[in-house]
């Protein structure tokens, strides 16, 4: 999974090739050598493999982890970056000024993409990628300078598994597989960017109604968007126990590991259970910290001073009660998090996920949310 912590904005793949080991096999022409090209990805996980495959264009990482934290509907780009940088800093331990600088730099580079003759978007099927893809498509919508010059490489395991393998993400693919996907790229049309606008607008609303409608159907041109939205919406607190699907999965994994596990063990074991993994280790640790919150934590960090990457986590009696279905996490006071524009707070979150109808349902606080709760 891509790392949500900010990295370098634009990197030359031609310069990265020696560090990545150079092109494999006989020397061949660069696949993107016919035009100045910008490759856009929501992380750095394929950068070296693209260089090894012989690509020589520039590489841009746009890695704002929209699956976690507040996503404000403000029209001010500075205000947006301020909100997101505060979240990234607090959630992943990135210095605030660095998070703000990198986030603004990534976006400025994307907005200047029309200086390239070709812009290629590399994304996969999970919610982390799909929400960032929606924002990128929204930014490209109406950009006449990019019409006919932008293309999308979208990995869909249902479609591409037979040709390149079924993997959790593009970062697991080698250079030859990325070359095959490159050959399947398709043009980014105005109709496609309009779908990105729809998703991006819906994500930032205080109520997830519009997202739920898209998740229950199809998003034209983006076959992987609706399944990703369905999986992401299941991280609303459930009507059964107040837990997100991810939170419940982490608690079960801890229980299966004997009640105690290191960050690395917990992460590796959890990935095998998630129907559509979306988290890197830093994002998973942020979820675990949420389970440590409130007056009756479901998890405790054995050594509060230990670095998260080397920490050990233990399931509490509250966590076991949640797994038994005899407690509700929201009612216990541990819930205070954002999903897009929706603020979920104990003891009565405005929205929950109903597993019987497989859809979000409004609670008593949803009327306030529907009127437009203040953004962070």
Protein backbone atom coordinates (compact mmCIF):
# COMPACT_ATOMS: atom_id res chain seq x y z
CA UNK A 1 0.00 0.00 0.00
CA UNK A 2 1.23 3.54 -0.67
CA UNK A 3 2.60 5.40 2.35
CA UNK A 4 0.38 8.39 3.28
CA UNK A 5 3.28 10.41 4.62
CA UNK A 6 4.39 13.11 2.18
CA UNK A 7 7.33 12.48 -0.13
CA UNK A 8 9.13 14.34 -2.86
CA UNK A 9 6.84 15.93 -5.46
CA UNK A 10 8.37 15.52 -8.94
CA UNK A 11 11.18 13.03 -9.61
CA UNK A 12 12.82 12.30 -12.96
CA UNK A 13 12.46 8.61 -13.79
CA UNK A 14 15.51 8.84 -16.05
CA UNK A 15 17.57 9.91 -13.04
CA UNK A 16 15.89 7.33 -10.81
CA UNK A 17 16.79 4.44 -13.14
CA UNK A 18 20.39 4.00 -11.91
CA UNK A 19 19.23 3.91 -8.29
CA UNK A 20 16.52 1.40 -9.22
CA UNK A 21 18.98 -0.89 -10.96
CA UNK A 22 18.43 0.32 -14.51
CA UNK A 23 16.36 -1.28 -17.25
CA UNK A 24 16.28 -5.06 -17.27
CA UNK A 25 17.29 -7.18 -20.25
CA UNK A 26 18.22 -5.77 -23.69
CA UNK A 27 18.24 -2.01 -24.03
CA UNK A 28 14.94 -0.75 -25.45
CA UNK A 29 13.35 2.56 -26.27
CA UNK A 30 11.64 4.34 -23.42
CA UNK A 31 7.90 3.53 -23.52
CA UNK A 32 7.14 7.21 -22.89
CA UNK A 33 10.02 8.53 -24.95
CA UNK A 34 7.87 9.90 -27.75
CA UNK A 35 6.51 12.79 -25.66
CA UNK A 36 7.36 14.70 -22.45
CA UNK A 37 5.33 12.74 -19.91
CA UNK A 38 4.23 13.21 -16.31
CA UNK A 39 3.32 10.02 -14.43
CA UNK A 40 0.96 10.69 -11.50
CA UNK A 41 0.61 8.20 -8.63
CA UNK A 42 -0.79 8.41 -5.10
CA UNK A 43 2.48 7.18 -3.60
CA UNK A 44 6.03 6.27 -4.55
CA UNK A 45 5.49 2.50 -4.68
CA UNK A 46 5.85 2.07 -8.47
CA UNK A 47 8.43 4.77 -9.09
CA UNK A 48 11.48 2.49 -9.15
CA UNK A 49 9.66 -0.21 -11.13
CA UNK A 50 8.70 2.34 -13.79
CA UNK A 51 12.33 3.41 -13.98
CA UNK A 52 13.42 -0.24 -14.27
CA UNK A 53 10.91 -0.71 -17.09
CA UNK A 54 12.64 2.08 -18.99
CA UNK A 55 10.21 4.97 -18.49
CA UNK A 56 12.04 8.31 -18.60
CA UNK A 57 9.34 10.91 -17.91
CA UNK A 58 8.73 12.73 -14.65
CA UNK A 59 6.98 11.14 -11.68
CA UNK A 60 4.59 13.05 -9.39
CA UNK A 61 3.37 11.70 -6.08
CA UNK A 62 -0.04 13.02 -4.91
CA UNK A 63 -0.57 11.20 -1.63
CA UNK A 64 -3.20 12.92 0.52
CA UNK A 65 -4.83 9.93 2.36
CA UNK A 66 -8.47 10.93 1.91
CA UNK A 67 -9.78 7.70 3.41
CA UNK A 68 -8.91 9.12 6.82
CA UNK A 69 -9.57 12.44 8.50
CA UNK A 70 -11.66 15.49 7.61
CA UNK A 71 -12.07 16.42 3.94
CA UNK A 72 -13.45 19.97 4.01
CA UNK A 73 -15.67 21.45 1.33
CA UNK A 74 -13.93 24.83 1.53
CA UNK A 75 -13.24 26.60 -1.77
CA UNK A 76 -9.96 27.90 -0.41
CA UNK A 77 -7.07 25.66 -1.45
CA UNK A 78 -4.96 27.12 1.37
CA UNK A 79 -7.72 26.37 3.87
CA UNK A 80 -8.07 22.86 2.51
CA UNK A 81 -4.34 22.19 2.81
CA UNK A 82 -4.27 23.65 6.32
CA UNK A 83 -6.97 21.22 7.46
CA UNK A 84 -5.45 18.19 5.76
CA UNK A 85 -1.90 19.01 6.88
CA UNK A 86 -3.02 19.28 10.50
CA UNK A 87 -4.59 15.85 10.23
CA UNK A 88 -1.59 14.25 8.51
CA UNK A 89 0.75 15.76 11.10
CA UNK A 90 -1.29 14.54 14.06
CA UNK A 91 -2.14 11.12 12.62
CA UNK A 92 1.22 10.09 11.14
CA UNK A 93 3.79 12.07 13.10
CA UNK A 94 4.86 14.34 10.24
CA UNK A 95 6.04 17.85 11.24
CA UNK A 96 3.18 20.21 10.43
CA UNK A 97 5.22 22.59 8.30
CA UNK A 98 6.63 19.69 6.30
CA UNK A 99 3.20 18.15 5.73
CA UNK A 100 1.82 21.52 4.63
CA UNK A 101 4.75 22.25 2.31
CA UNK A 102 4.71 18.83 0.63
CA UNK A 103 0.94 18.79 0.20
CA UNK A 104 0.91 22.25 -1.39
CA UNK A 105 3.89 21.34 -3.56
CA UNK A 106 2.24 18.18 -4.88
CA UNK A 107 -0.91 20.03 -5.79
CA UNK A 108 0.91 22.94 -7.41
CA UNK A 109 2.79 20.43 -9.58
CA UNK A 110 -0.45 18.75 -10.62
CA UNK A 111 -2.07 22.06 -11.50
CA UNK A 112 0.93 22.82 -13.73
CA UNK A 113 0.67 19.46 -15.52
CA UNK A 114 -0.45 21.03 -18.81
CA UNK A 115 3.19 21.90 -19.54
CA UNK A 116 3.62 18.20 -20.39
CA UNK A 117 2.52 16.70 -23.69
CA UNK A 118 1.15 13.66 -21.84
CA UNK A 119 -0.11 13.05 -18.29
CA UNK A 120 -0.69 9.47 -17.17
CA UNK A 121 -2.61 8.62 -14.00
CA UNK A 122 -1.62 5.30 -12.35
CA UNK A 123 -4.25 4.05 -9.89
CA UNK A 124 -5.59 0.80 -8.47
CA UNK A 125 -8.95 -0.43 -7.21
CA UNK A 126 -8.90 0.23 -3.46
CA UNK A 127 -10.54 3.12 -1.63
CA UNK A 128 -7.24 4.88 -0.87
CA UNK A 129 -6.52 5.17 -4.59
CA UNK A 130 -10.07 5.74 -5.75
CA UNK A 131 -10.76 8.75 -3.52
CA UNK A 132 -7.50 10.39 -4.55
CA UNK A 133 -8.30 9.58 -8.18
CA UNK A 134 -11.63 11.38 -7.77
CA UNK A 135 -9.85 14.50 -6.54
CA UNK A 136 -7.30 14.37 -9.36
CA UNK A 137 -10.04 13.96 -11.99
CA UNK A 138 -11.91 16.87 -10.42
CA UNK A 139 -8.78 19.00 -10.76
CA UNK A 140 -8.42 18.02 -14.43
CA UNK A 141 -12.08 18.67 -15.28
CA UNK A 142 -12.48 21.48 -17.77
CA UNK A 143 -8.72 21.86 -18.30
CA UNK A 144 -8.69 22.34 -22.06
CA UNK A 145 -4.91 22.29 -22.09
CA UNK A 146 -5.00 18.62 -21.03
CA UNK A 147 -7.82 17.41 -23.27
CA UNK A 148 -6.52 14.59 -25.41
CA UNK A 149 -3.27 14.47 -23.44
CA UNK A 150 -4.29 12.78 -20.20
CA UNK A 151 -4.59 9.00 -19.86
CA UNK A 152 -5.57 6.59 -17.10
CA UNK A 153 -3.98 3.29 -16.11
CA UNK A 154 -6.50 1.74 -13.72
CA UNK A 155 -5.71 -1.67 -12.27
CA UNK A 156 -8.86 -3.75 -11.80
CA UNK A 157 -8.15 -7.25 -10.46
CA UNK A 158 -11.38 -8.59 -12.00
CA UNK A 159 -10.22 -7.47 -15.43
CA UNK A 160 -6.42 -7.47 -15.18
CA UNK A 161 -5.78 -10.39 -12.85
CA UNK A 162 -5.41 -12.87 -15.70
CA UNK A 163 -2.85 -10.76 -17.55
CA UNK A 164 -0.71 -9.30 -14.75
CA UNK A 165 -1.79 -11.21 -11.63
CA UNK A 166 -4.17 -10.58 -8.75
CA UNK A 167 -2.42 -8.25 -6.32
CA UNK A 168 -3.42 -5.86 -3.56
CA UNK A 169 -1.86 -2.93 -5.35
CA UNK A 170 0.34 -1.69 -8.17
CA UNK A 171 3.36 -1.68 -5.89
CA UNK A 172 3.34 -5.49 -5.95
CA UNK A 173 3.74 -5.56 -9.74
CA UNK A 174 7.10 -5.77 -11.47
CA UNK A 175 8.32 -3.71 -14.45
CA UNK A 176 7.00 -6.12 -17.09
CA UNK A 177 3.50 -6.12 -15.59
CA UNK A 178 3.49 -2.31 -15.46
CA UNK A 179 4.47 -2.26 -19.12
CA UNK A 180 1.47 -4.44 -19.95
CA UNK A 181 -0.83 -2.08 -18.04
CA UNK A 182 0.73 0.87 -19.84
CA UNK A 183 -0.40 -0.71 -23.09
CA UNK A 184 -4.00 -0.74 -21.77
CA UNK A 185 -4.13 2.95 -20.78
CA UNK A 186 -7.16 4.89 -21.97
CA UNK A 187 -7.85 8.53 -22.60
CA UNK A 188 -9.23 10.69 -19.82
CA UNK A 189 -12.32 12.28 -21.36
CA UNK A 190 -14.44 15.13 -20.06
CA UNK A 191 -17.14 12.57 -19.26
CA UNK A 192 -14.64 10.71 -17.07
CA UNK A 193 -13.45 13.80 -15.23
CA UNK A 194 -17.13 14.70 -14.64
CA UNK A 195 -17.48 11.44 -12.72
CA UNK A 196 -14.54 12.47 -10.60
CA UNK A 197 -16.30 15.76 -9.88
CA UNK A 198 -19.40 13.85 -8.72
CA UNK A 199 -17.46 11.66 -6.32
CA UNK A 200 -15.30 14.50 -5.02
CA UNK A 201 -18.32 16.69 -4.30
CA UNK A 202 -20.15 13.84 -2.57
CA UNK A 203 -17.14 12.91 -0.43
CA UNK A 204 -17.02 16.34 1.20
CA UNK A 205 -20.69 16.50 2.15
CA UNK A 206 -21.66 16.17 5.84
CA UNK A 207 -24.03 13.33 4.96
CA UNK A 208 -22.92 10.28 2.91
CA UNK A 209 -26.20 9.96 0.98
CA UNK A 210 -24.78 10.79 -2.46
CA UNK A 211 -21.77 8.53 -1.93
CA UNK A 212 -24.09 5.70 -0.87
CA UNK A 213 -26.13 6.08 -4.07
CA UNK A 214 -22.98 5.81 -6.17
CA UNK A 215 -21.72 2.89 -4.09
CA UNK A 216 -24.98 1.02 -4.65
CA UNK A 217 -24.80 1.36 -8.43
CA UNK A 218 -22.16 2.13 -11.01
CA UNK A 219 -19.89 5.10 -11.64
CA UNK A 220 -19.71 5.29 -15.47
CA UNK A 221 -16.18 4.85 -16.77
CA UNK A 222 -14.78 3.89 -13.36
CA UNK A 223 -15.63 0.25 -12.75
CA UNK A 224 -13.63 0.11 -9.52
CA UNK A 225 -15.14 3.22 -7.89
CA UNK A 226 -18.47 1.82 -6.61
CA UNK A 227 -16.90 -1.28 -4.96
CA UNK A 228 -14.27 0.94 -3.32
CA UNK A 229 -16.94 3.31 -2.01
CA UNK A 230 -18.96 0.37 -0.66
CA UNK A 231 -15.92 -0.91 1.23
CA UNK A 232 -15.05 2.54 2.55
CA UNK A 233 -18.59 3.28 3.74
CA UNK A 234 -18.45 0.10 5.81
CA UNK A 235 -16.05 2.00 8.04
CA UNK A 236 -19.00 3.98 9.36
CA UNK A 237 -19.87 2.78 12.87
CA UNK A 238 -22.07 -0.29 12.52
CA UNK A 239 -25.55 -0.54 14.01
CA UNK A 240 -24.47 -3.79 15.69
CA UNK A 241 -21.50 -2.65 17.76
CA UNK A 242 -20.46 0.91 16.81
CA UNK A 243 -17.27 -0.37 15.18
CA UNK A 244 -15.98 0.24 11.67
CA UNK A 245 -15.28 -2.82 9.56
CA UNK A 246 -11.56 -2.03 9.83
CA UNK A 247 -11.73 -1.59 13.60
CA UNK A 248 -13.57 -4.88 14.08
CA UNK A 249 -11.09 -6.66 11.84
CA UNK A 250 -8.15 -5.32 13.85
CA UNK A 251 -9.75 -6.40 17.14
CA UNK A 252 -10.39 -9.88 15.76
CA UNK A 253 -6.84 -10.10 14.48
CA UNK A 254 -5.50 -9.14 17.91
CA UNK A 255 -7.70 -11.80 19.49
CA UNK A 256 -6.48 -14.39 16.99
CA UNK A 257 -2.89 -13.46 17.85
CA UNK A 258 -3.53 -14.30 21.52
CA UNK A 259 -4.57 -10.81 22.57
CA UNK A 260 -1.19 -9.13 22.03
CA UNK A 261 0.77 -8.35 18.87
CA UNK A 262 3.46 -6.04 17.57
CA UNK A 263 2.59 -3.44 14.95
CA UNK A 264 4.24 -5.47 12.19
CA UNK A 265 2.57 -8.74 13.18
CA UNK A 266 -0.82 -7.06 13.51
CA UNK A 267 -0.48 -5.34 10.12
CA UNK A 268 0.59 -8.45 8.23
CA UNK A 269 -2.10 -10.60 9.82
CA UNK A 270 -4.84 -8.01 9.30
CA UNK A 271 -4.08 -7.67 5.57
CA UNK A 272 -5.01 -11.32 5.05
CA UNK A 273 -8.51 -10.74 6.47
CA UNK A 274 -9.63 -7.46 4.86
CA UNK A 275 -11.86 -8.05 1.80
CA UNK A 276 -10.32 -4.97 0.15
CA UNK A 277 -7.19 -3.76 1.97
CA UNK A 278 -6.78 0.00 1.88
CA UNK A 279 -4.32 0.74 4.68
CA UNK A 280 -0.58 1.08 4.93
CA UNK A 281 1.01 0.48 8.29
CA UNK A 282 0.91 4.15 9.33
CA UNK A 283 -2.80 4.37 8.47
CA UNK A 284 -3.50 1.13 10.35
CA UNK A 285 -1.69 2.46 13.41
CA UNK A 286 -3.89 5.57 13.31
CA UNK A 287 -6.96 3.31 13.50
CA UNK A 288 -5.44 1.41 16.43
CA UNK A 289 -4.83 4.69 18.26
CA UNK A 290 -8.53 5.46 17.83
CA UNK A 291 -9.33 2.15 19.55
CA UNK A 292 -7.09 3.23 22.44
CA UNK A 293 -9.22 6.36 23.01
CA UNK A 294 -12.13 7.09 25.33
CA UNK A 295 -12.88 6.17 28.93
CA UNK A 296 -12.96 2.42 28.13
CA UNK A 297 -10.29 1.70 25.51
CA UNK A 298 -10.60 -1.41 23.38
CA UNK A 299 -6.82 -1.63 22.92
CA UNK A 300 -3.85 -0.43 24.96
CA UNK A 301 -0.32 0.34 23.85
CA UNK A 302 1.88 -1.69 26.18
CA UNK A 303 4.63 0.93 26.33
CA UNK A 304 3.17 4.41 25.79
CA UNK A 305 6.62 5.78 24.95
CA UNK A 306 7.46 3.18 22.30
CA UNK A 307 7.56 4.22 18.66
CA UNK A 308 4.42 3.06 16.87
CA UNK A 309 6.33 0.97 14.33
CA UNK A 310 7.95 -1.09 17.10
CA UNK A 311 5.09 -0.99 19.62
CA UNK A 312 3.08 -3.87 21.03
CA UNK A 313 -0.71 -3.66 21.39
CA UNK A 314 -3.01 -5.58 23.73
CA UNK A 315 -6.74 -6.26 23.51
CA UNK A 316 -8.64 -5.14 26.61
CA UNK A 317 -11.75 -6.58 28.23
CA UNK A 318 -13.71 -3.84 26.47
CA UNK A 319 -12.32 -5.03 23.16
CA UNK A 320 -13.44 -8.58 23.93
CA UNK A 321 -16.93 -7.34 24.84
CA UNK A 322 -17.10 -5.51 21.51
CA UNK A 323 -16.17 -8.71 19.69
CA UNK A 324 -18.80 -10.61 21.68
CA UNK A 325 -21.45 -8.11 20.62
CA UNK A 326 -22.19 -7.08 24.22
CA UNK A 327 -20.94 -3.48 23.91
CA UNK A 328 -21.21 -0.55 21.49
CA UNK A 329 -18.05 1.43 20.75
CA UNK A 330 -19.90 4.67 20.07
CA UNK A 331 -21.92 4.40 23.28
CA UNK A 332 -18.74 3.77 25.27
CA UNK A 333 -17.45 7.20 24.29
CA UNK A 334 -14.47 6.19 22.16
CA UNK A 335 -15.68 7.55 18.82
CA UNK A 336 -14.44 10.87 17.42
CA UNK A 337 -13.32 10.73 13.81
CA UNK A 338 -14.07 12.04 10.35
CA UNK A 339 -14.95 10.23 7.15
CA UNK A 340 -14.80 12.78 4.39
CA UNK A 341 -17.17 15.57 5.39
CA UNK A 342 -18.98 13.44 7.99
CA UNK A 343 -17.99 13.91 11.64
CA UNK A 344 -18.69 10.80 13.73
CA UNK A 345 -18.81 11.44 17.47
CA UNK A 346 -19.88 9.47 20.55
CA UNK A 347 -22.35 8.72 21.93
CA UNK A 348 -24.67 9.12 18.93
CA UNK A 349 -22.93 9.40 15.55
CA UNK A 350 -25.07 10.95 12.87
CA UNK A 351 -24.63 7.97 10.54
CA UNK A 352 -24.14 4.25 10.95
CA UNK A 353 -23.69 1.32 8.60
CA UNK A 354 -26.59 -1.14 8.59
CA UNK A 355 -25.31 -4.62 7.63
CA UNK A 356 -28.85 -5.86 6.97
CA UNK A 357 -29.54 -3.30 4.25
CA UNK A 358 -25.84 -2.91 3.32
CA UNK A 359 -26.26 0.87 3.39
CA UNK A 360 -25.68 3.88 5.66
CA UNK A 361 -28.60 4.91 7.83
CA UNK A 362 -29.22 8.19 9.60
CA UNK A 363 -29.50 8.38 13.36
CA UNK A 364 -30.98 11.11 15.52
CA UNK A 365 -28.11 13.47 14.76
CA UNK A 366 -28.38 13.16 10.99
CA UNK A 367 -30.78 16.08 10.62
CA UNK A 368 -28.05 18.41 11.84
CA UNK A 369 -25.58 16.76 9.45
CA UNK A 370 -28.05 17.12 6.60
CA UNK A 371 -28.28 20.86 7.22
CA UNK A 372 -24.50 21.19 6.87
CA UNK A 373 -22.41 20.72 10.02
CA UNK A 374 -19.53 23.15 10.23
CA UNK A 375 -16.34 21.99 8.59
CA UNK A 376 -13.16 21.63 10.64
